[in-house]
Amino acid sequence: MSPDPGGLPRYPIKLAIIIAFILLILQAISEVIKNWNIYLSREESQ
């Protein structure tokens, strides 16, 4: 028996949550790299 008979499949929603979490981690890594480069460029100019 299905846990949700006649309802929508649950795997697309769970997959979307996982993909969103992975994209959020990638964005965080991108922001860290960008800010680190800004920090290094300011340090060199002083």
Protein backbone atom coordinates (compact mmCIF):
# COMPACT_ATOMS: atom_id res chain seq x y z
CA MET A 1 0.00 0.00 0.00
CA SER A 2 1.15 3.51 -0.78
CA PRO A 3 1.51 5.89 2.18
CA ASP A 4 -0.31 8.54 0.13
CA PRO A 5 -2.85 6.76 -2.12
CA GLY A 6 -3.97 8.84 -5.06
CA GLY A 7 -1.73 11.73 -4.05
CA LEU A 8 1.29 13.28 -5.66
CA PRO A 9 4.58 11.39 -5.60
CA ARG A 10 6.87 12.64 -2.86
CA TYR A 11 10.25 12.16 -4.53
CA PRO A 12 10.15 15.41 -6.60
CA ILE A 13 9.63 17.48 -3.47
CA LYS A 14 12.39 15.70 -1.59
CA LEU A 15 14.70 16.05 -4.61
CA ALA A 16 13.96 19.77 -4.85
CA ILE A 17 14.87 20.24 -1.18
CA ILE A 18 18.19 18.45 -1.68
CA ILE A 19 18.99 20.44 -4.83
CA ALA A 20 18.12 23.72 -3.10
CA PHE A 21 20.39 22.83 -0.16
CA ILE A 22 23.29 21.99 -2.51
CA LEU A 23 22.81 25.26 -4.41
CA LEU A 24 22.77 27.17 -1.11
CA ILE A 25 26.09 25.58 -0.09
CA LEU A 26 27.61 26.45 -3.48
CA GLN A 27 26.45 30.06 -3.10
CA ALA A 28 27.99 30.25 0.36
CA ILE A 29 31.31 28.95 -0.99
CA SER A 30 31.14 31.52 -3.79
CA GLU A 31 30.56 34.36 -1.33
CA VAL A 32 33.47 33.24 0.86
CA ILE A 33 35.83 33.14 -2.13
CA LYS A 34 34.63 36.55 -3.36
CA ASN A 35 35.05 38.17 0.06
CA TRP A 36 38.45 36.54 0.56
CA ASN A 37 39.64 38.03 -2.75
CA ILE A 38 38.35 41.47 -1.74
CA TYR A 39 40.16 41.15 1.58
CA LEU A 40 43.43 40.16 -0.09
CA SER A 41 43.25 42.98 -2.63
CA ARG A 42 42.70 45.58 0.12
CA GLU A 43 45.58 44.17 2.13
CA GLU A 44 47.98 44.44 -0.84
CA SER A 45 47.05 48.04 -1.58
CA GLN A 46 47.96 49.25 1.92
